N, C-alpha and C. Protein backbone atom coordinates (compact mmCIF):
# COMPACT_ATOMS: atom_id res chain seq x y z
N GLY A 1 99.73 -102.50 -239.76
CA GLY A 1 98.71 -101.64 -240.21
C GLY A 1 98.05 -101.00 -238.98
N LEU A 2 97.08 -100.14 -239.34
CA LEU A 2 96.38 -99.30 -238.19
C LEU A 2 94.90 -99.82 -238.26
N SER A 3 94.35 -100.10 -237.15
CA SER A 3 92.98 -100.61 -237.17
C SER A 3 92.20 -100.17 -235.90
N ILE A 4 90.89 -99.99 -236.09
CA ILE A 4 89.95 -99.73 -235.07
C ILE A 4 88.80 -100.81 -235.26
N GLY A 5 88.36 -101.44 -234.24
CA GLY A 5 87.27 -102.31 -234.42
C GLY A 5 86.24 -102.24 -233.32
N PRO A 6 84.97 -102.27 -233.67
CA PRO A 6 84.46 -102.38 -235.05
C PRO A 6 84.43 -101.02 -235.68
N TRP A 7 84.31 -101.05 -237.03
CA TRP A 7 84.42 -99.76 -237.68
C TRP A 7 83.18 -99.02 -237.53
N ARG A 8 82.06 -99.55 -237.14
CA ARG A 8 80.72 -98.87 -236.89
C ARG A 8 80.19 -99.42 -235.61
N GLN A 9 79.75 -98.42 -234.69
CA GLN A 9 79.20 -98.87 -233.42
C GLN A 9 78.03 -97.98 -232.97
N ASN A 10 77.15 -98.64 -232.25
CA ASN A 10 75.93 -97.95 -231.63
C ASN A 10 76.43 -97.70 -230.18
N VAL A 11 76.22 -96.50 -229.73
CA VAL A 11 76.73 -96.16 -228.29
C VAL A 11 75.67 -95.47 -227.58
N TYR A 12 75.29 -95.89 -226.37
CA TYR A 12 74.41 -95.15 -225.39
C TYR A 12 75.21 -94.02 -224.75
N THR A 13 74.51 -92.90 -224.64
CA THR A 13 75.16 -91.66 -224.18
C THR A 13 75.16 -91.70 -222.63
N THR A 14 74.83 -92.73 -221.95
CA THR A 14 74.79 -92.86 -220.49
C THR A 14 76.00 -93.49 -219.91
N TYR A 15 77.03 -93.93 -220.71
CA TYR A 15 78.23 -94.70 -220.23
C TYR A 15 79.38 -94.05 -221.01
N ASN A 16 80.58 -94.14 -220.35
CA ASN A 16 81.84 -93.88 -221.06
C ASN A 16 81.96 -94.81 -222.21
N HIS A 17 82.45 -94.26 -223.29
CA HIS A 17 82.82 -95.10 -224.49
C HIS A 17 84.26 -94.98 -224.78
N THR A 18 84.88 -96.12 -224.95
CA THR A 18 86.37 -96.19 -225.35
C THR A 18 86.58 -96.74 -226.68
N ILE A 19 87.33 -95.99 -227.50
CA ILE A 19 87.75 -96.47 -228.81
C ILE A 19 89.23 -96.80 -228.72
N SER A 20 89.61 -97.98 -229.31
CA SER A 20 91.02 -98.39 -229.14
C SER A 20 91.41 -98.53 -230.69
N CYS A 21 92.74 -97.88 -230.84
CA CYS A 21 93.31 -97.82 -232.23
C CYS A 21 94.57 -98.58 -232.07
N ARG A 22 94.72 -99.53 -232.88
CA ARG A 22 96.00 -100.53 -232.73
C ARG A 22 96.83 -100.36 -234.06
N LEU A 23 98.22 -100.05 -233.75
CA LEU A 23 99.20 -99.98 -234.87
C LEU A 23 100.01 -101.25 -234.67
N SER A 24 100.03 -102.09 -235.66
CA SER A 24 100.77 -103.37 -235.68
C SER A 24 101.94 -103.33 -236.60
N ASP A 25 102.81 -104.32 -236.53
CA ASP A 25 103.96 -104.48 -237.30
C ASP A 25 104.89 -103.30 -237.20
N ILE A 26 105.30 -102.85 -236.02
CA ILE A 26 106.14 -101.75 -235.78
C ILE A 26 107.37 -102.07 -234.97
N THR A 27 108.38 -101.25 -235.00
CA THR A 27 109.55 -101.68 -234.24
C THR A 27 109.95 -100.54 -233.22
N GLU A 28 109.05 -99.44 -233.16
CA GLU A 28 109.28 -98.35 -232.18
C GLU A 28 107.89 -97.67 -231.87
N GLU A 29 107.93 -96.76 -230.90
CA GLU A 29 106.77 -96.22 -230.42
C GLU A 29 106.46 -94.87 -231.35
N TYR A 30 105.02 -94.71 -231.59
CA TYR A 30 104.63 -93.60 -232.34
C TYR A 30 103.66 -92.75 -231.60
N ILE A 31 103.44 -91.53 -232.17
CA ILE A 31 102.43 -90.57 -231.60
C ILE A 31 101.08 -90.68 -232.38
N PHE A 32 99.98 -90.91 -231.67
CA PHE A 32 98.75 -90.97 -232.24
C PHE A 32 98.00 -89.66 -232.16
N LEU A 33 97.28 -89.28 -233.19
CA LEU A 33 96.53 -88.04 -233.27
C LEU A 33 95.07 -88.51 -233.47
N TRP A 34 94.11 -87.89 -232.70
CA TRP A 34 92.74 -88.25 -232.81
C TRP A 34 91.83 -87.03 -233.30
N THR A 35 90.86 -87.33 -234.11
CA THR A 35 89.98 -86.26 -234.54
C THR A 35 88.56 -86.86 -234.27
N PRO A 36 87.56 -86.04 -234.04
CA PRO A 36 87.72 -84.68 -233.83
C PRO A 36 88.58 -84.40 -232.55
N GLN A 37 89.44 -83.38 -232.58
CA GLN A 37 90.26 -83.05 -231.48
C GLN A 37 89.61 -81.99 -230.63
N ARG A 38 89.42 -82.31 -229.38
CA ARG A 38 88.70 -81.46 -228.40
C ARG A 38 89.56 -81.48 -227.19
N TYR A 39 90.75 -81.07 -227.16
CA TYR A 39 91.62 -81.20 -226.05
C TYR A 39 91.13 -80.35 -224.85
N TRP A 40 90.23 -79.35 -225.05
CA TRP A 40 89.76 -78.46 -223.98
C TRP A 40 88.69 -79.32 -223.26
N ASP A 41 88.15 -80.29 -223.83
CA ASP A 41 87.07 -81.00 -223.34
C ASP A 41 87.55 -82.03 -222.24
N SER A 42 87.21 -81.64 -221.01
CA SER A 42 87.62 -82.56 -219.81
C SER A 42 86.99 -83.92 -219.78
N GLY A 43 86.03 -84.11 -220.68
CA GLY A 43 85.31 -85.32 -220.72
C GLY A 43 85.94 -86.27 -221.77
N ILE A 44 87.10 -85.98 -222.26
CA ILE A 44 87.76 -86.82 -223.31
C ILE A 44 89.02 -87.13 -222.71
N THR A 45 89.38 -88.34 -222.58
CA THR A 45 90.76 -88.87 -222.10
C THR A 45 91.53 -89.57 -223.19
N LEU A 46 92.70 -89.18 -223.51
CA LEU A 46 93.54 -89.58 -224.59
C LEU A 46 94.63 -90.46 -223.97
N SER A 47 95.00 -91.60 -224.42
CA SER A 47 96.16 -92.25 -224.03
C SER A 47 96.82 -92.75 -225.28
N ASN A 48 98.23 -92.38 -225.43
CA ASN A 48 98.96 -92.74 -226.57
C ASN A 48 99.37 -94.17 -226.59
N GLY A 49 99.41 -94.83 -225.39
CA GLY A 49 99.89 -96.15 -225.27
C GLY A 49 101.40 -96.22 -225.39
N THR A 50 101.84 -97.41 -225.21
CA THR A 50 103.37 -97.64 -225.26
C THR A 50 103.70 -98.80 -226.29
N PHE A 51 104.83 -98.66 -226.83
CA PHE A 51 105.24 -99.75 -227.81
C PHE A 51 105.33 -101.12 -226.99
N ASP A 52 104.81 -102.13 -227.52
CA ASP A 52 104.94 -103.50 -227.00
C ASP A 52 105.81 -104.29 -227.89
N SER A 53 107.07 -104.63 -227.44
CA SER A 53 107.98 -105.34 -228.30
C SER A 53 107.60 -106.77 -228.49
N THR A 54 106.83 -107.42 -227.59
CA THR A 54 106.41 -108.74 -227.74
C THR A 54 105.47 -108.93 -228.87
N SER A 55 104.48 -107.97 -229.02
CA SER A 55 103.53 -107.99 -230.09
C SER A 55 103.82 -107.14 -231.31
N SER A 56 104.93 -106.33 -231.14
CA SER A 56 105.24 -105.44 -232.20
C SER A 56 104.06 -104.47 -232.50
N SER A 57 103.51 -103.96 -231.48
CA SER A 57 102.30 -103.16 -231.67
C SER A 57 102.17 -102.02 -230.57
N GLN A 58 101.29 -101.22 -230.82
CA GLN A 58 100.94 -100.13 -229.83
C GLN A 58 99.41 -99.76 -229.91
N VAL A 59 98.82 -99.70 -228.76
CA VAL A 59 97.44 -99.33 -228.71
C VAL A 59 97.21 -97.98 -228.10
N SER A 60 96.47 -97.01 -228.82
CA SER A 60 96.09 -95.79 -228.37
C SER A 60 94.67 -95.81 -228.04
N THR A 61 94.16 -95.12 -226.99
CA THR A 61 92.74 -95.09 -226.65
C THR A 61 92.28 -93.68 -226.51
N MET A 62 90.94 -93.47 -226.86
CA MET A 62 90.18 -92.29 -226.69
C MET A 62 88.94 -92.74 -225.82
N THR A 63 88.90 -92.25 -224.51
CA THR A 63 87.58 -92.47 -223.80
C THR A 63 86.80 -91.19 -223.70
N ILE A 64 85.54 -91.36 -223.97
CA ILE A 64 84.64 -90.15 -223.97
C ILE A 64 83.45 -90.41 -222.99
N SER A 65 83.38 -89.30 -222.09
CA SER A 65 82.46 -89.33 -221.06
C SER A 65 80.93 -89.18 -221.66
N PRO A 66 79.89 -89.46 -220.87
CA PRO A 66 78.56 -89.38 -221.37
C PRO A 66 78.25 -87.92 -221.61
N VAL A 67 78.69 -86.96 -220.87
CA VAL A 67 78.40 -85.54 -221.21
C VAL A 67 79.01 -85.19 -222.59
N SER A 68 80.30 -85.62 -222.78
CA SER A 68 80.89 -85.33 -224.24
C SER A 68 80.17 -86.16 -225.32
N LEU A 69 79.74 -87.33 -225.02
CA LEU A 69 79.03 -88.11 -226.04
C LEU A 69 77.82 -87.31 -226.57
N ARG A 70 77.05 -86.73 -225.51
CA ARG A 70 75.80 -86.00 -225.84
C ARG A 70 76.14 -84.75 -226.58
N ASP A 71 77.34 -84.12 -226.31
CA ASP A 71 77.68 -82.95 -227.05
C ASP A 71 78.12 -83.34 -228.47
N PHE A 72 78.70 -84.37 -228.72
CA PHE A 72 79.00 -84.85 -230.10
C PHE A 72 77.69 -85.29 -230.84
N GLN A 73 76.85 -85.84 -230.12
CA GLN A 73 75.43 -86.26 -230.63
C GLN A 73 74.73 -84.99 -231.10
N ASN A 74 74.79 -83.85 -230.28
CA ASN A 74 74.14 -82.70 -230.71
C ASN A 74 74.78 -82.05 -231.91
N TYR A 75 76.05 -82.20 -232.17
CA TYR A 75 76.73 -81.65 -233.22
C TYR A 75 76.52 -82.48 -234.50
N SER A 76 76.58 -83.77 -234.39
CA SER A 76 76.48 -84.65 -235.65
C SER A 76 76.06 -86.10 -235.16
N ASN A 77 75.11 -86.77 -235.79
CA ASN A 77 74.71 -88.07 -235.40
C ASN A 77 74.40 -88.75 -236.71
N PRO A 78 75.21 -89.72 -237.16
CA PRO A 78 76.37 -90.28 -236.61
C PRO A 78 77.63 -89.39 -236.70
N GLN A 79 78.72 -89.67 -235.88
CA GLN A 79 79.89 -89.05 -235.78
C GLN A 79 81.12 -90.01 -236.18
N THR A 80 82.06 -89.45 -236.95
CA THR A 80 83.18 -90.29 -237.29
C THR A 80 84.38 -89.85 -236.40
N PHE A 81 85.01 -90.81 -235.80
CA PHE A 81 86.19 -90.65 -235.01
C PHE A 81 87.33 -91.19 -235.71
N ARG A 82 88.50 -90.56 -235.74
CA ARG A 82 89.68 -91.12 -236.42
C ARG A 82 90.94 -91.06 -235.53
N CYS A 83 91.83 -92.11 -235.76
CA CYS A 83 93.16 -92.00 -235.21
C CYS A 83 94.07 -91.92 -236.34
N ARG A 84 95.10 -91.23 -236.27
CA ARG A 84 96.13 -91.16 -237.34
C ARG A 84 97.42 -91.20 -236.75
N VAL A 85 98.33 -91.74 -237.65
CA VAL A 85 99.78 -91.97 -237.23
C VAL A 85 100.56 -91.58 -238.38
N THR A 86 101.57 -90.83 -238.25
CA THR A 86 102.59 -90.58 -239.36
C THR A 86 103.83 -91.42 -239.15
N ILE A 87 104.09 -92.12 -240.20
CA ILE A 87 105.25 -93.14 -240.14
C ILE A 87 106.25 -92.61 -241.20
N ASN A 88 107.57 -92.62 -240.80
CA ASN A 88 108.66 -92.13 -241.63
C ASN A 88 108.55 -90.72 -241.94
N ASN A 89 107.85 -89.82 -241.17
CA ASN A 89 107.63 -88.52 -241.39
C ASN A 89 106.83 -88.13 -242.61
N THR A 90 106.39 -89.09 -243.47
CA THR A 90 105.64 -88.75 -244.64
C THR A 90 104.39 -89.50 -244.76
N ASP A 91 104.37 -90.84 -244.37
CA ASP A 91 103.30 -91.74 -244.62
C ASP A 91 102.21 -91.62 -243.49
N LEU A 92 101.05 -90.99 -243.84
CA LEU A 92 99.97 -90.86 -242.84
C LEU A 92 98.96 -91.96 -243.01
N ILE A 93 98.78 -92.77 -241.89
CA ILE A 93 97.67 -93.79 -241.92
C ILE A 93 96.68 -93.44 -241.06
N THR A 94 95.43 -93.82 -241.42
CA THR A 94 94.22 -93.45 -240.72
C THR A 94 93.34 -94.63 -240.52
N ALA A 95 92.69 -94.69 -239.28
CA ALA A 95 91.55 -95.70 -238.99
C ALA A 95 90.40 -94.95 -238.48
N SER A 96 89.15 -95.46 -238.73
CA SER A 96 87.96 -94.68 -238.27
C SER A 96 87.00 -95.57 -237.62
N GLN A 97 86.17 -94.93 -236.84
CA GLN A 97 84.97 -95.57 -236.24
C GLN A 97 83.92 -94.56 -236.32
N VAL A 98 82.76 -95.09 -236.89
CA VAL A 98 81.45 -94.34 -236.98
C VAL A 98 80.60 -94.67 -235.82
N ILE A 99 80.27 -93.74 -235.05
CA ILE A 99 79.38 -93.88 -233.82
C ILE A 99 78.07 -93.32 -234.20
N THR A 100 76.96 -94.09 -233.85
CA THR A 100 75.63 -93.57 -233.93
C THR A 100 75.15 -93.57 -232.43
N PHE A 101 74.71 -92.37 -231.90
CA PHE A 101 74.42 -92.21 -230.55
C PHE A 101 72.93 -92.48 -230.29
N PHE A 102 72.74 -93.03 -229.06
CA PHE A 102 71.46 -93.29 -228.59
C PHE A 102 71.22 -92.80 -227.12
N ASN A 103 70.07 -92.15 -226.88
CA ASN A 103 69.77 -91.76 -225.59
C ASN A 103 68.61 -92.75 -225.04
N PRO A 104 68.88 -93.46 -224.00
CA PRO A 104 67.77 -94.32 -223.55
C PRO A 104 66.68 -93.34 -222.98
N SER A 105 65.51 -93.86 -223.23
CA SER A 105 64.41 -93.03 -222.57
C SER A 105 63.64 -93.76 -221.59
N LYS A 106 63.07 -93.08 -220.55
CA LYS A 106 62.33 -93.78 -219.58
C LYS A 106 60.86 -93.77 -219.94
N LYS A 107 60.19 -94.84 -219.93
CA LYS A 107 58.73 -94.93 -220.31
C LYS A 107 58.06 -94.87 -218.94
N ILE A 108 56.97 -94.08 -218.89
CA ILE A 108 56.20 -93.66 -217.70
C ILE A 108 54.87 -94.44 -217.86
């Protein structure tokens, strides 16, 4: 199956945040798609991962920079991120993580 853990997470916008999406019980490599898709955003790094025959799994990651986290926060807070995989050209499976963004504030 496809999984992201935890399904809900609080994130500070001052550090990179990485979401890992794991596909298990597979026998070959698959292509992961992430949403929201912002391929023009240099603050997002996607890694498709590779098939691990020992664990029969593959892990894809999306790493989001602090600048991009703040952009997402301005658009929607909380924001849902999804990874998707198509299996056998027809079966689409999806896993999600809901992120609530926080900006630390400095008290004077």
